[in-house]
């Protein structure tokens, strides 16, 4: 059974940092490209960051560039999202997702490209 479990969310103040983790099981983790998405009530889920199978290629949405860092540890079957300088607008449920690469792409930014999702971890930024 393929499973992704996020952790590390919480209530923080603006400017603080968090490290989100996503533990994968039931799959050969190193074969999967991974991504982080987020969603707030009443809004569509949005792409945050993606990482290739080896971790050598990463991609971010513009609003988090320079503040968020995605990384992975294939030996531990985990992907991470370091979130720094948090802003009120970063408040959301954060989800990790996995997909097997196809074609020539190394990273994926559309939610529809992913077929396995975690349950999410809440990040709340207060002023």
Foldseek 3Di string as FASTA:
>chain_A
DWAKAKDWADEEAAQAKIKIKIAIDDDQLLQKKKFKWWDDPPDDIFGAKIAFSVRPDMDGDPVQPPFWDWGADSVRRMIMIIGGRDDQVVWTWMKMFIAGDDDPDGIDGDPVRTDHIHPTDTHGYHD
